[in-house]
């Protein structure tokens, strides 16, 4: 019996990997590693190197790669997957049907720190946690799997 083929990488996974490699060469001090903390470092890098005037000139490729990186961090820590039809969205992050990390990257450059990438991650985590609590009110007392297990005791209602 032939072994199953691994799922093909999405375009967005590839873009995130390219961004990670490029930034590793150009700005290794940021230490991008798909960790939640790396989003804070990325936010700081954007703040230091782009002001509101230059943010208007950020190319689509950079926005695509940053948004893809943010999406990959979310997928790796909260679950979900890139849209199977190739849309620029992440589906099924816990009980959240769809999120748009590429749009968030664009807003980060347009609006500055108020649209923090790290804050976006934490708001998605909180929404997923609260939605799962609403869907499974008795789950808080259980051992906790998925989103609830990750955030048990982290967020208070």
Protein backbone atom coordinates (compact mmCIF):
# COMPACT_ATOMS: atom_id res chain seq x y z
CA UNK A 1 0.00 0.00 0.00
CA UNK A 2 1.41 3.39 -0.97
CA UNK A 3 1.97 5.90 1.77
CA UNK A 4 -0.33 8.93 1.68
CA UNK A 5 1.02 12.05 0.04
CA UNK A 6 1.61 14.95 2.40
CA UNK A 7 -0.80 17.83 1.97
CA UNK A 8 0.56 20.39 -0.46
CA UNK A 9 1.76 23.62 1.04
CA UNK A 10 -0.49 26.55 0.48
CA UNK A 11 0.77 29.64 -1.27
CA UNK A 12 0.51 31.44 2.07
CA UNK A 13 2.64 28.87 3.89
CA UNK A 14 5.27 29.33 1.20
CA UNK A 15 5.09 33.13 1.45
CA UNK A 16 5.49 32.93 5.24
CA UNK A 17 8.55 30.69 4.80
CA UNK A 18 10.05 33.08 2.27
CA UNK A 19 9.46 35.99 4.64
CA UNK A 20 11.07 34.08 7.50
CA UNK A 21 14.15 33.29 5.38
CA UNK A 22 14.47 36.80 3.98
CA UNK A 23 14.14 38.45 7.37
CA UNK A 24 16.58 35.93 8.84
CA UNK A 25 19.17 37.20 6.38
CA UNK A 26 18.28 40.90 6.40
CA UNK A 27 17.31 41.42 10.04
CA UNK A 28 18.33 38.40 12.15
CA UNK A 29 17.88 40.43 15.35
CA UNK A 30 14.10 40.11 14.97
CA UNK A 31 14.38 36.34 15.47
CA UNK A 32 11.29 35.30 13.56
CA UNK A 33 10.48 31.73 14.53
CA UNK A 34 6.68 31.44 14.31
CA UNK A 35 6.39 32.15 18.03
CA UNK A 36 3.75 34.45 19.47
CA UNK A 37 6.57 36.60 20.86
CA UNK A 38 7.97 37.06 17.36
CA UNK A 39 4.85 39.06 16.47
CA UNK A 40 5.83 41.62 19.12
CA UNK A 41 9.32 41.82 17.65
CA UNK A 42 7.86 42.21 14.17
CA UNK A 43 5.57 45.00 15.40
CA UNK A 44 8.59 46.77 16.88
CA UNK A 45 10.56 46.38 13.64
CA UNK A 46 7.67 47.89 11.64
CA UNK A 47 7.43 50.79 14.10
CA UNK A 48 11.15 51.49 13.84
CA UNK A 49 11.43 51.25 10.04
CA UNK A 50 8.13 52.54 8.70
CA UNK A 51 6.38 55.76 9.58
CA UNK A 52 2.89 56.74 8.49
CA UNK A 53 4.24 58.38 5.31
CA UNK A 54 6.39 55.48 4.13
CA UNK A 55 3.72 52.94 5.07
CA UNK A 56 1.71 54.04 2.05
CA UNK A 57 4.55 52.88 -0.17
CA UNK A 58 4.82 49.34 1.21
CA UNK A 59 4.59 46.86 -1.64
CA UNK A 60 1.96 44.17 -2.01
CA UNK A 61 4.61 41.45 -1.74
CA UNK A 62 5.71 42.61 1.70
CA UNK A 63 2.10 42.86 2.89
CA UNK A 64 1.41 39.38 1.51
CA UNK A 65 4.42 37.89 3.28
CA UNK A 66 3.82 39.60 6.62
CA UNK A 67 0.14 38.63 6.56
CA UNK A 68 1.07 35.07 5.64
CA UNK A 69 3.55 34.95 8.53
CA UNK A 70 0.89 36.19 10.97
CA UNK A 71 -1.52 33.56 9.65
CA UNK A 72 1.05 30.82 10.10
CA UNK A 73 1.71 31.88 13.70
CA UNK A 74 -2.03 31.71 14.38
CA UNK A 75 -2.40 28.30 12.71
CA UNK A 76 0.58 26.84 14.56
CA UNK A 77 -0.60 28.03 17.97
CA UNK A 78 -4.39 28.18 17.76
CA UNK A 79 -5.23 25.78 14.94
CA UNK A 80 -7.05 26.35 11.70
CA UNK A 81 -5.85 26.15 8.12
CA UNK A 82 -5.46 28.29 5.06
CA UNK A 83 -8.55 28.44 2.88
CA UNK A 84 -8.60 25.38 0.62
CA UNK A 85 -9.78 27.41 -2.40
CA UNK A 86 -6.75 29.70 -2.11
CA UNK A 87 -8.55 32.69 -0.62
CA UNK A 88 -6.33 34.88 1.62
CA UNK A 89 -7.97 33.74 4.83
CA UNK A 90 -7.53 31.27 7.65
CA UNK A 91 -10.49 29.01 8.37
CA UNK A 92 -11.63 27.14 11.47
CA UNK A 93 -9.48 28.71 14.18
CA UNK A 94 -11.21 26.82 16.94
CA UNK A 95 -14.84 27.87 16.67
CA UNK A 96 -14.02 30.98 14.59
CA UNK A 97 -14.99 30.34 10.97
CA UNK A 98 -12.67 32.81 9.23
CA UNK A 99 -9.97 35.39 9.93
CA UNK A 100 -8.06 37.67 7.57
CA UNK A 101 -4.39 38.06 8.57
CA UNK A 102 -3.38 39.63 5.23
CA UNK A 103 -5.91 42.41 5.74
CA UNK A 104 -4.54 42.89 9.24
CA UNK A 105 -1.00 43.31 7.88
CA UNK A 106 -2.24 46.07 5.59
CA UNK A 107 -4.06 47.78 8.46
CA UNK A 108 -0.88 47.59 10.57
CA UNK A 109 0.93 49.71 8.02
CA UNK A 110 -2.00 52.06 7.44
CA UNK A 111 -2.90 52.70 11.08
CA UNK A 112 0.31 52.04 12.99
CA UNK A 113 0.57 50.50 16.44
CA UNK A 114 -3.17 50.65 17.06
CA UNK A 115 -3.42 47.70 14.65
CA UNK A 116 -0.69 45.66 16.33
CA UNK A 117 -0.05 42.19 14.92
CA UNK A 118 0.61 40.81 18.41
CA UNK A 119 -2.65 42.29 19.67
CA UNK A 120 -4.46 40.71 16.71
CA UNK A 121 -3.14 37.28 17.66
CA UNK A 122 -4.23 37.72 21.28
CA UNK A 123 -7.66 39.01 20.28
CA UNK A 124 -8.16 35.96 18.03
CA UNK A 125 -7.04 33.68 20.87
CA UNK A 126 -9.48 35.36 23.27
CA UNK A 127 -12.37 35.19 20.77
CA UNK A 128 -11.70 31.51 20.12
CA UNK A 129 -11.48 30.76 23.83
CA UNK A 130 -14.69 32.61 24.65
CA UNK A 131 -16.55 31.10 21.69
CA UNK A 132 -15.50 27.63 22.74
CA UNK A 133 -16.64 28.33 26.30
CA UNK A 134 -20.01 29.46 24.97
CA UNK A 135 -20.35 26.36 22.79
CA UNK A 136 -19.13 24.01 25.54
CA UNK A 137 -19.92 25.62 28.92
CA UNK A 138 -18.92 22.51 30.88
CA UNK A 139 -15.57 22.24 29.12
CA UNK A 140 -13.95 24.68 31.56
CA UNK A 141 -14.05 22.03 34.25
CA UNK A 142 -12.62 19.29 32.02
CA UNK A 143 -8.97 18.56 31.36
CA UNK A 144 -9.16 20.87 28.38
CA UNK A 145 -8.23 20.15 24.82
CA UNK A 146 -7.70 22.48 21.92
CA UNK A 147 -8.11 26.20 22.57
CA UNK A 148 -9.47 25.69 26.08
CA UNK A 149 -6.46 23.63 27.09
CA UNK A 150 -4.09 26.29 25.79
CA UNK A 151 -5.71 29.11 27.69
CA UNK A 152 -7.05 27.51 30.84
CA UNK A 153 -6.78 30.17 33.49
CA UNK A 154 -5.30 32.72 31.07
CA UNK A 155 -8.51 34.60 30.36
CA UNK A 156 -11.13 35.25 33.01
CA UNK A 157 -14.81 35.73 32.25
